[in-house]
Structure formats: structure tokens, C-alpha cells
C-alpha atoms as a PDB file:
ATOM      1  CA  MET A   1      28.421 -10.030  22.427  1.00  0.00           C
ATOM      2  CA  ASN A   2      31.652  -8.254  23.310  1.00  0.00           C
ATOM      3  CA  ASP A   3      32.188  -6.934  26.811  1.00  0.00           C
ATOM      4  CA  VAL A   4      34.907  -5.164  28.775  1.00  0.00           C
ATOM      5  CA  ASN A   5      36.605  -8.403  29.834  1.00  0.00           C
ATOM      6  CA  ASP A   6      37.369  -9.181  26.178  1.00  0.00           C
ATOM      7  CA  PHE A   7      40.123  -6.594  26.425  1.00  0.00           C
ATOM      8  CA  PHE A   8      41.890  -8.523  29.170  1.00  0.00           C
ATOM      9  CA  SER A   9      43.617 -11.670  27.994  1.00  0.00           C
ATOM     10  CA  SER A  10      43.612 -14.616  30.394  1.00  0.00           C
ATOM     11  CA  ARG A  11      47.287 -14.952  29.533  1.00  0.00           C
ATOM     12  CA  ASN A  12      47.925 -11.585  31.169  1.00  0.00           C
ATOM     13  CA  THR A  13      45.539 -11.762  34.118  1.00  0.00           C
ATOM     14  CA  VAL A  14      47.142 -10.218  37.211  1.00  0.00           C
ATOM     15  CA  TYR A  15      45.623 -11.668  40.383  1.00  0.00           C
ATOM     16  CA  ASN A  16      48.027 -10.581  43.089  1.00  0.00           C
ATOM     17  CA  VAL A  17      50.819  -8.039  43.345  1.00  0.00           C
ATOM     18  CA  SER A  18      53.569  -8.576  45.915  1.00  0.00           C
ATOM     19  CA  ASP A  19      54.877  -5.870  48.241  1.00  0.00           C
ATOM     20  CA  GLU A  20      58.145  -5.959  46.304  1.00  0.00           C
ATOM     21  CA  GLU A  21      56.283  -5.344  43.044  1.00  0.00           C
ATOM     22  CA  LYS A  22      54.270  -2.518  44.609  1.00  0.00           C
ATOM     23  CA  LYS A  23      57.480  -0.698  45.476  1.00  0.00           C
ATOM     24  CA  GLN A  24      57.983  -0.114  41.749  1.00  0.00           C
ATOM     25  CA  THR A  25      55.079   2.299  41.682  1.00  0.00           C
ATOM     26  CA  GLU A  26      55.899   4.608  44.597  1.00  0.00           C
ATOM     27  CA  ASN A  27      55.110   8.172  43.446  1.00  0.00           C
ATOM     28  CA  TYR A  28      55.302   7.207  39.759  1.00  0.00           C
ATOM     29  CA  ALA A  29      51.921   8.830  39.036  1.00  0.00           C
ATOM     30  CA  GLU A  30      53.286  12.288  39.826  1.00  0.00           C
ATOM     31  CA  ALA A  31      55.848  11.928  37.041  1.00  0.00           C
ATOM     32  CA  ILE A  32      53.093  10.871  34.609  1.00  0.00           C
ATOM     33  CA  LYS A  33      50.973  13.889  35.574  1.00  0.00           C
ATOM     34  CA  ALA A  34      53.928  16.237  35.107  1.00  0.00           C
ATOM     35  CA  PHE A  35      54.627  14.770  31.674  1.00  0.00           C
ATOM     36  CA  ALA A  36      50.946  15.155  30.720  1.00  0.00           C
ATOM     37  CA  ARG A  37      51.121  18.876  31.518  1.00  0.00           C
ATOM     38  CA  THR A  38      53.996  19.374  29.076  1.00  0.00           C
ATOM     39  CA  THR A  39      52.639  17.629  25.964  1.00  0.00           C
ATOM     40  CA  TYR A  40      49.844  18.198  23.466  1.00  0.00           C
ATOM     41  CA  LYS A  41      49.206  14.445  23.371  1.00  0.00           C
ATOM     42  CA  SER A  42      46.613  12.627  25.475  1.00  0.00           C
ATOM     43  CA  ILE A  43      47.904  10.191  28.069  1.00  0.00           C
ATOM     44  CA  TYR A  44      46.288   7.499  30.143  1.00  0.00           C
ATOM     45  CA  VAL A  45      47.489   4.602  32.283  1.00  0.00           C
ATOM     46  CA  ILE A  46      45.960   1.109  32.252  1.00  0.00           C
ATOM     47  CA  ASP A  47      46.006  -1.040  35.387  1.00  0.00           C
ATOM     48  CA  TYR A  48      45.686  -4.675  34.273  1.00  0.00           C
ATOM     49  CA  GLN A  49      45.084  -5.904  37.811  1.00  0.00           C
ATOM     50  CA  LYS A  50      42.116  -3.590  38.341  1.00  0.00           C
ATOM     51  CA  LYS A  51      41.069  -3.825  34.656  1.00  0.00           C
ATOM     52  CA  GLY A  52      40.607  -0.091  34.306  1.00  0.00           C
ATOM     53  CA  PHE A  53      42.245   3.296  33.857  1.00  0.00           C
ATOM     54  CA  GLU A  54      44.425   4.541  36.693  1.00  0.00           C
ATOM     55  CA  PHE A  55      45.081   7.983  35.206  1.00  0.00           C
ATOM     56  CA  VAL A  56      43.641  10.011  32.313  1.00  0.00           C
ATOM     57  CA  SER A  57      45.119  13.354  31.241  1.00  0.00           C
ATOM     58  CA  GLU A  58      42.999  16.439  30.599  1.00  0.00           C
ATOM     59  CA  ASN A  59      44.044  16.849  26.968  1.00  0.00           C
ATOM     60  CA  PRO A  60      40.708  16.914  25.047  1.00  0.00           C
ATOM     61  CA  LEU A  61      41.917  14.837  22.063  1.00  0.00           C
ATOM     62  CA  PHE A  62      41.013  11.535  23.726  1.00  0.00           C
ATOM     63  CA  LEU A  63      38.103  12.655  25.905  1.00  0.00           C
ATOM     64  CA  CYS A  64      35.298  12.934  23.300  1.00  0.00           C
ATOM     65  CA  GLY A  65      33.670  15.782  25.237  1.00  0.00           C
ATOM     66  CA  HIS A  66      33.990  14.208  28.695  1.00  0.00           C
ATOM     67  CA  THR A  67      36.166  15.249  31.600  1.00  0.00           C
ATOM     68  CA  ALA A  68      39.280  13.236  32.352  1.00  0.00           C
ATOM     69  CA  GLU A  69      37.662  11.952  35.539  1.00  0.00           C
ATOM     70  CA  GLU A  70      34.569  10.768  33.634  1.00  0.00           C
ATOM     71  CA  VAL A  71      36.716   8.824  31.139  1.00  0.00           C
ATOM     72  CA  LYS A  72      38.717   7.354  34.021  1.00  0.00           C
ATOM     73  CA  GLU A  73      35.491   6.150  35.648  1.00  0.00           C
ATOM     74  CA  MET A  74      34.242   4.658  32.367  1.00  0.00           C
ATOM     75  CA  GLY A  75      37.437   2.718  31.834  1.00  0.00           C
ATOM     76  CA  TYR A  76      37.133   0.314  28.915  1.00  0.00           C
ATOM     77  CA  LEU A  77      33.429   1.137  28.526  1.00  0.00           C
ATOM     78  CA  PHE A  78      34.714   4.347  26.952  1.00  0.00           C
ATOM     79  CA  TYR A  79      35.799   2.323  23.921  1.00  0.00           C
ATOM     80  CA  PHE A  80      32.396   0.698  23.561  1.00  0.00           C
ATOM     81  CA  ASN A  81      30.824   4.161  23.574  1.00  0.00           C
ATOM     82  CA  TYR A  82      33.207   6.018  21.258  1.00  0.00           C
ATOM     83  CA  VAL A  83      35.156   3.625  19.017  1.00  0.00           C
ATOM     84  CA  ILE A  84      33.356   2.879  15.740  1.00  0.00           C
ATOM     85  CA  PRO A  85      32.109  -0.766  15.647  1.00  0.00           C
ATOM     86  CA  GLU A  86      34.534  -2.094  13.020  1.00  0.00           C
ATOM     87  CA  ASP A  87      37.479  -0.596  14.871  1.00  0.00           C
ATOM     88  CA  LEU A  88      36.271  -2.035  18.172  1.00  0.00           C
ATOM     89  CA  GLU A  89      36.687  -5.450  16.565  1.00  0.00           C
ATOM     90  CA  LEU A  90      40.118  -4.321  15.397  1.00  0.00           C
ATOM     91  CA  LEU A  91      41.136  -3.380  18.959  1.00  0.00           C
ATOM     92  CA  LEU A  92      40.108  -6.806  20.207  1.00  0.00           C
ATOM     93  CA  LYS A  93      42.182  -8.386  17.429  1.00  0.00           C
ATOM     94  CA  ILE A  94      45.183  -6.230  18.377  1.00  0.00           C
ATOM     95  CA  ASN A  95      44.751  -7.269  21.999  1.00  0.00           C
ATOM     96  CA  THR A  96      44.982 -10.945  20.986  1.00  0.00           C
ATOM     97  CA  VAL A  97      47.895 -10.751  18.540  1.00  0.00           C
ATOM     98  CA  GLY A  98      49.755  -8.310  20.754  1.00  0.00           C
ATOM     99  CA  PHE A  99      49.777 -10.609  23.783  1.00  0.00           C
ATOM    100  CA  ASP A 100      50.567 -13.593  21.549  1.00  0.00           C
ATOM    101  CA  PHE A 101      53.666 -11.715  20.366  1.00  0.00           C
ATOM    102  CA  TYR A 102      54.523 -10.520  23.869  1.00  0.00           C
ATOM    103  CA  GLU A 103      54.526 -14.028  25.328  1.00  0.00           C
ATOM    104  CA  LYS A 104      57.297 -15.022  22.929  1.00  0.00           C
ATOM    105  CA  ILE A 105      59.625 -12.249  24.157  1.00  0.00           C
ATOM    106  CA  PRO A 106      62.132 -13.125  26.928  1.00  0.00           C
ATOM    107  CA  ILE A 107      60.842 -11.736  30.234  1.00  0.00           C
ATOM    108  CA  GLN A 108      63.855  -9.471  30.753  1.00  0.00           C
ATOM    109  CA  GLU A 109      63.221  -7.763  27.377  1.00  0.00           C
ATOM    110  CA  ARG A 110      59.461  -7.226  27.611  1.00  0.00           C
ATOM    111  CA  ILE A 111      59.630  -3.837  29.293  1.00  0.00           C
ATOM    112  CA  TYR A 112      61.493  -2.395  26.264  1.00  0.00           C
ATOM    113  CA  HIS A 113      58.780  -3.118  23.684  1.00  0.00           C
ATOM    114  CA  SER A 114      55.995  -0.770  22.559  1.00  0.00           C
ATOM    115  CA  ILE A 115      53.002  -1.370  20.312  1.00  0.00           C
ATOM    116  CA  SER A 116      51.279   1.316  18.243  1.00  0.00           C
ATOM    117  CA  TYR A 117      48.152   1.283  16.079  1.00  0.00           C
ATOM    118  CA  ASP A 118      45.461   3.550  14.647  1.00  0.00           C
ATOM    119  CA  PHE A 119      41.710   3.561  15.222  1.00  0.00           C
ATOM    120  CA  HIS A 120      38.711   5.864  14.867  1.00  0.00           C
ATOM    121  CA  LEU A 121      36.960   7.674  17.715  1.00  0.00           C
ATOM    122  CA  LYS A 122      33.482   9.134  17.187  1.00  0.00           C
ATOM    123  CA  ASN A 123      32.819  11.973  19.625  1.00  0.00           C
ATOM    124  CA  GLN A 124      29.526  13.201  21.057  1.00  0.00           C
ATOM    125  CA  GLU A 125      28.969  15.523  18.086  1.00  0.00           C
ATOM    126  CA  GLY A 126      29.378  12.607  15.662  1.00  0.00           C
ATOM    127  CA  LYS A 127      32.781  13.756  14.357  1.00  0.00           C
ATOM    128  CA  ILE A 128      35.063  10.829  13.496  1.00  0.00           C
ATOM    129  CA  LEU A 129      38.770  11.199  14.212  1.00  0.00           C
ATOM    130  CA  LEU A 130      41.612   8.798  13.350  1.00  0.00           C
ATOM    131  CA  ILE A 131      44.050   8.628  16.244  1.00  0.00           C
ATOM    132  CA  ASN A 132      47.287   6.806  16.932  1.00  0.00           C
ATOM    133  CA  GLN A 133      47.791   4.979  20.208  1.00  0.00           C
ATOM    134  CA  LYS A 134      51.176   3.866  21.490  1.00  0.00           C
ATOM    135  CA  LEU A 135      51.169   1.470  24.457  1.00  0.00           C
ATOM    136  CA  THR A 136      54.305   0.865  26.512  1.00  0.00           C
ATOM    137  CA  PRO A 137      54.643  -1.253  29.680  1.00  0.00           C
ATOM    138  CA  LEU A 138      55.376   0.700  32.840  1.00  0.00           C
ATOM    139  CA  PHE A 139      55.586  -2.115  35.371  1.00  0.00           C
ATOM    140  CA  LEU A 140      55.751  -5.881  35.075  1.00  0.00           C
ATOM    141  CA  THR A 141      55.032  -8.562  37.650  1.00  0.00           C
ATOM    142  CA  ASN A 142      57.793 -10.990  38.618  1.00  0.00           C
ATOM    143  CA  GLU A 143      56.222 -13.413  36.104  1.00  0.00           C
ATOM    144  CA  GLY A 144      56.684 -10.903  33.284  1.00  0.00           C
ATOM    145  CA  LYS A 145      53.019  -9.947  32.919  1.00  0.00           C
ATOM    146  CA  ILE A 146      52.143  -6.312  32.229  1.00  0.00           C
ATOM    147  CA  TRP A 147      50.790  -4.802  35.428  1.00  0.00           C
ATOM    148  CA  LYS A 148      50.545  -1.156  34.343  1.00  0.00           C
ATOM    149  CA  ALA A 149      50.995   0.407  30.897  1.00  0.00           C
ATOM    150  CA  ILE A 150      51.072   3.978  29.611  1.00  0.00           C
ATOM    151  CA  CYS A 151      49.146   4.895  26.465  1.00  0.00           C
ATOM    152  CA  ILE A 152      49.999   8.008  24.446  1.00  0.00           C
ATOM    153  CA  ILE A 153      47.387   9.325  21.994  1.00  0.00           C
ATOM    154  CA  SER A 154      48.043  11.636  19.051  1.00  0.00           C
ATOM    155  CA  ILE A 155      46.485  12.455  15.680  1.00  0.00           C
ATOM    156  CA  SER A 156      47.302   9.695  13.197  1.00  0.00           C
ATOM    157  CA  ASN A 157      49.163  10.557  10.019  1.00  0.00           C
ATOM    158  CA  GLU A 158      47.666   7.487   8.287  1.00  0.00           C
ATOM    159  CA  GLN A 159      44.550   7.273   6.123  1.00  0.00           C
ATOM    160  CA  ASN A 160      43.010   4.117   7.610  1.00  0.00           C
ATOM    161  CA  SER A 161      42.846   2.256  10.909  1.00  0.00           C
ATOM    162  CA  GLY A 162      45.180  -0.620  11.735  1.00  0.00           C
ATOM    163  CA  ASN A 163      48.895   0.023  11.066  1.00  0.00           C
ATOM    164  CA  ILE A 164      49.924  -2.261  13.939  1.00  0.00           C
ATOM    165  CA  LYS A 165      53.614  -2.013  14.800  1.00  0.00           C
ATOM    166  CA  ILE A 166      55.810  -3.284  17.626  1.00  0.00           C
ATOM    167  CA  SER A 167      59.220  -1.771  18.249  1.00  0.00           C
ATOM    168  CA  LYS A 168      61.982  -2.401  20.768  1.00  0.00           C
ATOM    169  CA  LYS A 169      64.093   0.332  22.321  1.00  0.00           C
ATOM    170  CA  GLY A 170      67.519   0.501  20.726  1.00  0.00           C
ATOM    171  CA  GLU A 171      66.761  -1.729  17.732  1.00  0.00           C
ATOM    172  CA  ASN A 172      66.628  -0.494  14.146  1.00  0.00           C
ATOM    173  CA  LYS A 173      63.672  -2.640  13.149  1.00  0.00           C
ATOM    174  CA  ILE A 174      59.950  -2.879  13.665  1.00  0.00           C
ATOM    175  CA  PHE A 175      57.468  -5.747  13.556  1.00  0.00           C
ATOM    176  CA  ARG A 176      54.428  -4.866  11.442  1.00  0.00           C
ATOM    177  CA  TYR A 177      51.276  -6.982  11.603  1.00  0.00           C
ATOM    178  CA  ASP A 178      49.662  -7.924   8.297  1.00  0.00           C
ATOM    179  CA  LEU A 179      45.915  -8.005   9.007  1.00  0.00           C
ATOM    180  CA  LYS A 180      45.038  -9.677   5.703  1.00  0.00           C
ATOM    181  CA  GLY A 181      47.698 -12.368   5.964  1.00  0.00           C
ATOM    182  CA  ASP A 182      47.431 -12.677   9.752  1.00  0.00           C
ATOM    183  CA  PHE A 183      51.181 -12.642  10.396  1.00  0.00           C
ATOM    184  CA  TRP A 184      54.024 -10.412  11.636  1.00  0.00           C
ATOM    185  CA  LYS A 185      56.734  -9.191   9.279  1.00  0.00           C
ATOM    186  CA  VAL A 186      60.021  -7.472  10.064  1.00  0.00           C
ATOM    187  CA  GLU A 187      60.901  -4.095   8.584  1.00  0.00           C
ATOM    188  CA  GLU A 188      63.809  -1.725   9.110  1.00  0.00           C
ATOM    189  CA  LYS A 189      63.004   1.592  10.765  1.00  0.00           C
ATOM    190  CA  ILE A 190      63.128   4.670   8.551  1.00  0.00           C
ATOM    191  CA  GLU A 191      66.401   6.577   8.814  1.00  0.00           C
ATOM    192  CA  LEU A 192      66.471  10.275   7.922  1.00  0.00           C
ATOM    193  CA  SER A 193      69.490  12.113   6.582  1.00  0.00           C
ATOM    194  CA  ASN A 194      70.865  15.100   8.467  1.00  0.00           C
ATOM    195  CA  ARG A 195      69.456  17.411   5.797  1.00  0.00           C
ATOM    196  CA  GLU A 196      65.998  15.873   6.118  1.00  0.00           C
ATOM    197  CA  LYS A 197      66.118  16.288   9.891  1.00  0.00           C
ATOM    198  CA  GLU A 198      67.178  19.915   9.468  1.00  0.00           C
ATOM    199  CA  ILE A 199      64.269  20.601   7.140  1.00  0.00           C
ATOM    200  CA  LEU A 200      61.822  19.042   9.600  1.00  0.00           C
ATOM    201  CA  ARG A 201      63.203  21.036  12.528  1.00  0.00           C
ATOM    202  CA  PHE A 202      63.099  24.316  10.611  1.00  0.00           C
ATOM    203  CA  SER A 203      59.594  23.511   9.367  1.00  0.00           C
ATOM    204  CA  VAL A 204      58.392  22.947  12.925  1.00  0.00           C
ATOM    205  CA  ARG A 205      59.687  26.463  13.676  1.00  0.00           C
ATOM    206  CA  GLY A 206      57.707  27.883  10.746  1.00  0.00           C
ATOM    207  CA  PHE A 207      60.587  28.613   8.368  1.00  0.00           C
ATOM    208  CA  THR A 208      59.762  29.116   4.690  1.00  0.00           C
ATOM    209  CA  ILE A 209      61.781  27.354   1.967  1.00  0.00           C
ATOM    210  CA  ASN A 210      63.737  30.546   1.268  1.00  0.00           C
ATOM    211  CA  GLU A 211      64.457  31.095   4.976  1.00  0.00           C
ATOM    212  CA  MET A 212      65.673  27.496   5.285  1.00  0.00           C
ATOM    213  CA  ALA A 213      67.893  27.886   2.239  1.00  0.00           C
ATOM    214  CA  GLU A 214      69.463  31.033   3.663  1.00  0.00           C
ATOM    215  CA  THR A 215      70.057  29.470   7.079  1.00  0.00           C
ATOM    216  CA  MET A 216      71.468  26.229   5.619  1.00  0.00           C
ATOM    217  CA  TYR A 217      73.625  28.057   3.012  1.00  0.00           C
ATOM    218  CA  VAL A 218      72.049  26.173   0.097  1.00  0.00           C
ATOM    219  CA  SER A 219      69.735  27.118  -2.755  1.00  0.00           C
ATOM    220  CA  PRO A 220      65.933  26.952  -2.485  1.00  0.00           C
ATOM    221  CA  ASP A 221      66.004  24.223  -5.137  1.00  0.00           C
ATOM    222  CA  THR A 222      68.234  22.123  -2.877  1.00  0.00           C
ATOM    223  CA  VAL A 223      65.745  22.501  -0.031  1.00  0.00           C
ATOM    224  CA  LYS A 224      62.905  21.494  -2.370  1.00  0.00           C
ATOM    225  CA  PHE A 225      64.911  18.445  -3.508  1.00  0.00           C
ATOM    226  CA  HIS A 226      65.431  17.211   0.067  1.00  0.00           C
ATOM    227  CA  ARG A 227      61.782  17.905   0.919  1.00  0.00           C
ATOM    228  CA  ARG A 228      60.640  15.729  -2.008  1.00  0.00           C
ATOM    229  CA  LYS A 229      62.971  12.941  -0.878  1.00  0.00           C
ATOM    230  CA  LEU A 230      61.617  13.296   2.647  1.00  0.00           C
ATOM    231  CA  PHE A 231      57.996  13.031   1.465  1.00  0.00           C
ATOM    232  CA  GLU A 232      58.817   9.949  -0.599  1.00  0.00           C
ATOM    233  CA  LYS A 233      60.610   8.289   2.295  1.00  0.00           C
ATOM    234  CA  LEU A 234      57.763   8.925   4.757  1.00  0.00           C
ATOM    235  CA  GLU A 235      55.039   8.356   2.132  1.00  0.00           C
ATOM    236  CA  VAL A 236      53.313  11.653   2.945  1.00  0.00           C
ATOM    237  CA  ALA A 237      51.892  14.430   0.773  1.00  0.00           C
ATOM    238  CA  ASN A 238      53.056  17.595   2.558  1.00  0.00           C
ATOM    239  CA  ILE A 239      55.282  18.992   5.289  1.00  0.00           C
ATOM    240  CA  SER A 240      52.501  18.966   7.904  1.00  0.00           C
ATOM    241  CA  GLU A 241      52.023  15.216   7.453  1.00  0.00           C
ATOM    242  CA  ALA A 242      55.809  14.749   7.519  1.00  0.00           C
ATOM    243  CA  ILE A 243      56.066  16.569  10.864  1.00  0.00           C
ATOM    244  CA  VAL A 244      53.284  14.470  12.386  1.00  0.00           C
ATOM    245  CA  TYR A 245      54.831  11.230  11.124  1.00  0.00           C
ATOM    246  CA  ALA A 246      58.331  12.147  12.272  1.00  0.00           C
ATOM    247  CA  THR A 247      57.094  13.228  15.698  1.00  0.00           C
ATOM    248  CA  ASN A 248      54.954  10.145  16.267  1.00  0.00           C
ATOM    249  CA  ASN A 249      57.792   7.849  15.214  1.00  0.00           C
ATOM    250  CA  LYS A 250      60.565   9.723  17.051  1.00  0.00           C
ATOM    251  CA  LEU A 251      62.530  10.481  13.893  1.00  0.00           C
ATOM    252  CA  ILE A 252      63.482  13.969  15.105  1.00  0.00           C
END
């Protein structure tokens, strides 16, 4: 039977933290709290030494009807209560393959990598929601183990759970995990044209196609052409999905 400790790999067990390592964290939580107040996304911080949540934001997306303090107290038991069973197995799989990948990265580069994936939460009313979680290391021990990590939660733009990706800051590629084949593959990150970025930015502001055309000094048909290319590139069906995808993947 699965339990909370299954989420904590023996390869990343943090037993002791030195005074030098502790200095990394002085007042860092205040910056996290300030960031949480400025975003619609849910945020929480994992402490791998204490095997629990150090901070949980008050954004309701992740809380499933609880208060932030209640979810913080639950820690990883929250997942056992609110992640659907098949996706709980998925999260345990991600935990294993993620740390396997991480161990192969040079210590000095580990802090620059992030992993993202999608899974379903089932709230207290029984509503199932597909969310995206992006986990990024905040602090490492001197041995290169993750001590604390920040997790950012948003609505997923995908149709199914999984979609496991690792990216490195400053690199134009991602590592995508193939669940069926059980291996990582390298892909180039999506690059948007300036026109496509313009259309996304104007769409976020609520511009219609005609308003965009007038502002960009092009015809409405030209705007429609670039929108179609944008949808094809992002593999989405409409502008709302395009905005979510572009925001989650930092394309604009």
C-alpha cells in the first residue's frame, strides 16, 4: 500500500542542514508570500528535510475546499485524499523518473531545471479538475540534493494527465518523458513569431479580430491567418487555450 514516504526518494533524503545552508533561506518566505498575492496561480513550497509543505498560498485552485493552513498541515496526505487513484500512481512514477533524471545532472546545473506535469484533483464536491504543476528547486544542499522546492499550480491546457517535461533555464529544448516507452526524449521548445506574440497579447487584453487588425495595420484576414498558424503550432482549438498554453510555458 502506498504511503506518504513513497513521495520521498531515498536518493534525495535530507538528514541534516548546515548553518551555511540555512543562511540561504533567510527571509525567503516573505518573497514567496508576496509573489503569491500577485498571481492567480496556486503556490506551495515543499521541504524535503521535513517531508511536508512549508507554505501554501490561499488561491482556491489547489485547496479543494480547504484553507491554506489545513492543506499545509495535511502535507502529502492531501494528495492521497484528492488526487484520483490512477494519477496518484502517476505522481509516484514521476517522482521516481524525475529524481533519476536529476541525479544525472551536474550539481552546479541542478538549480536551473524545472519539471512540469498534469494530474487530476477531485474536490470535496466530486468535481474533477486537470491541473498543471511546475516544480522548481529553491535551495540545494552542498551535496546537490533538493532541500526546498516551489510548486506552481495552474489549470492545464492538456486533455489528459501526464505530459511530463523537464526544462533548463536558458536552453531552447525540453526533455519529455514517454510513459509508454519509459524513456526521455529531447524536443525543441516552441518559438512564436512576433505576429503570433502580438495576437496573444492583444487577445489577453480582450481585443477582437477587427480591433487587432486596426491596431496592427493589417487586414482581418491576416490576423485570422496568424491565429490559425498559432493554433496549429500550439496544438490548441481556440484562443483561450492558446493563452493558457502560452502563459504556462512562458511563451509571452
